[in-house]
Structure formats: C-alpha cells, structure tokens
C-alpha cells in the first residue's frame, strides 16, 4: 500500500496544500510552504481542498504561515477548508480566521 505524499505548491498566487498533514509530515511541509511564502509578493490564497486528512498540526502550520506572511507584509487568506479543520479551529475561536476569503 503506497501512502499519498503531502505537498505544497505555489501557482498564480495560490498555495495549494494536498495529501495528509500529520505529525510525521508537518515539519517538512511547513518548511516548504515557508520557502514559497518568502519568495512571494502581494497576496496569497491557501487552497486546502486537497487535504486528505486533517489534524491539529495542520492548523498550527497554517498559523505559522500566516505569521510569516504578515511579517513580510503579504495578505494571506484561506479557501476550501475541510469541515473537520474548521471544527478544530473553532475550539480556539479561529474559525473566522480560517474561513477568510480573498
């Protein structure tokens, strides 16, 4: 059985996250996303429709990306967050932040 590899790609101002983001994959995925954000300008949309699993570490990663973008003066918003991730965000009163629109 082959496991789907998590990935993050930047295309036309959209940072696409796909695959399972869990405790084993989050560190590398966070670093890859931070590299892409650091090279970007203007505004970015993080598309979460490709997530195959949701875990609280994914929310942590998104918060880290958001802080980096803010530090660099970039506008960062999210779309297509899975319902489970929105539920996890709601536990910390972050559901509005996660459901921000570009």
Protein backbone atom coordinates (compact mmCIF):
# COMPACT_ATOMS: atom_id res chain seq x y z
CA UNK A 1 0.00 0.00 0.00
CA UNK A 2 1.50 3.33 -1.02
CA UNK A 3 0.75 6.40 1.03
CA UNK A 4 -0.07 9.68 -0.63
CA UNK A 5 2.73 12.17 -0.05
CA UNK A 6 1.80 15.60 1.31
CA UNK A 7 2.71 18.53 -0.92
CA UNK A 8 2.51 22.29 -1.17
CA UNK A 9 2.76 24.16 -4.47
CA UNK A 10 2.52 27.80 -5.43
CA UNK A 11 0.80 28.65 -8.70
CA UNK A 12 -0.61 32.02 -9.74
CA UNK A 13 -0.87 33.33 -6.18
CA UNK A 14 -2.49 30.16 -4.84
CA UNK A 15 -0.66 27.97 -2.36
CA UNK A 16 -2.17 24.51 -2.82
CA UNK A 17 -1.87 22.03 0.05
CA UNK A 18 -2.56 18.38 -0.63
CA UNK A 19 -2.24 15.00 0.99
CA UNK A 20 -2.17 14.02 4.64
CA UNK A 21 -0.78 16.63 7.03
CA UNK A 22 0.06 14.89 10.27
CA UNK A 23 2.78 14.77 12.90
CA UNK A 24 5.12 12.90 10.54
CA UNK A 25 4.78 15.27 7.61
CA UNK A 26 4.08 18.70 9.06
CA UNK A 27 7.64 19.88 9.68
CA UNK A 28 8.81 19.36 6.11
CA UNK A 29 5.57 20.70 4.66
CA UNK A 30 5.74 23.79 6.88
CA UNK A 31 9.30 24.50 5.73
CA UNK A 32 8.37 24.08 2.06
CA UNK A 33 5.42 26.43 2.47
CA UNK A 34 7.58 28.99 4.24
CA UNK A 35 10.05 28.97 1.36
CA UNK A 36 7.24 29.58 -1.12
CA UNK A 37 5.72 32.34 1.02
CA UNK A 38 9.12 34.00 1.43
CA UNK A 39 9.53 34.17 -2.35
CA UNK A 40 6.01 35.53 -2.96
CA UNK A 41 4.70 39.07 -3.12
CA UNK A 42 1.29 40.69 -2.88
CA UNK A 43 -1.43 38.38 -1.69
CA UNK A 44 -1.70 34.63 -1.43
CA UNK A 45 -4.64 32.28 -1.13
CA UNK A 46 -4.08 28.96 0.61
CA UNK A 47 -6.31 26.32 -1.01
CA UNK A 48 -6.98 23.46 1.39
CA UNK A 49 -9.26 21.40 -0.86
CA UNK A 50 -6.52 18.80 -1.44
CA UNK A 51 -6.09 17.83 2.21
CA UNK A 52 -6.77 14.13 2.60
CA UNK A 53 -6.60 14.16 6.41
CA UNK A 54 -6.99 16.87 8.98
CA UNK A 55 -5.07 17.05 12.19
CA UNK A 56 -4.46 19.83 14.68
CA UNK A 57 -0.87 20.13 13.44
CA UNK A 58 -2.23 21.36 10.10
CA UNK A 59 -3.88 24.25 11.92
CA UNK A 60 -0.60 25.02 13.67
CA UNK A 61 1.21 25.01 10.31
CA UNK A 62 -1.32 27.43 8.84
CA UNK A 63 -0.90 29.77 11.80
CA UNK A 64 2.87 29.74 11.26
CA UNK A 65 2.40 30.54 7.58
CA UNK A 66 0.02 33.35 8.49
CA UNK A 67 2.54 34.90 10.90
CA UNK A 68 5.30 34.70 8.28
CA UNK A 69 3.10 36.29 5.63
CA UNK A 70 2.12 39.10 8.00
CA UNK A 71 5.78 39.68 8.90
CA UNK A 72 6.56 40.02 5.18
CA UNK A 73 3.63 42.33 4.51
CA UNK A 74 1.71 39.74 2.48
CA UNK A 75 -2.02 39.22 2.58
CA UNK A 76 -2.85 35.56 3.25
CA UNK A 77 -6.32 34.05 3.11
CA UNK A 78 -7.74 30.54 3.03
CA UNK A 79 -10.34 28.71 0.96
CA UNK A 80 -11.89 25.25 0.87
CA UNK A 81 -11.02 24.33 4.45
CA UNK A 82 -12.38 20.87 5.29
CA UNK A 83 -15.20 20.86 7.85
CA UNK A 84 -13.09 18.91 10.35
CA UNK A 85 -10.33 21.52 10.20
CA UNK A 86 -12.89 24.30 10.68
CA UNK A 87 -14.20 22.40 13.72
CA UNK A 88 -10.70 22.17 15.14
CA UNK A 89 -10.20 25.89 14.52
CA UNK A 90 -13.48 26.64 16.32
CA UNK A 91 -12.08 25.13 19.51
CA UNK A 92 -9.66 28.08 19.61
CA UNK A 93 -12.07 30.66 18.19
CA UNK A 94 -10.15 30.65 14.89
CA UNK A 95 -12.92 29.52 12.54
CA UNK A 96 -13.49 33.04 11.16
CA UNK A 97 -9.75 33.41 10.52
CA UNK A 98 -9.62 30.05 8.73
CA UNK A 99 -12.66 30.82 6.63
CA UNK A 100 -11.30 34.17 5.47
CA UNK A 101 -11.90 34.90 1.82
CA UNK A 102 -9.52 36.54 -0.62
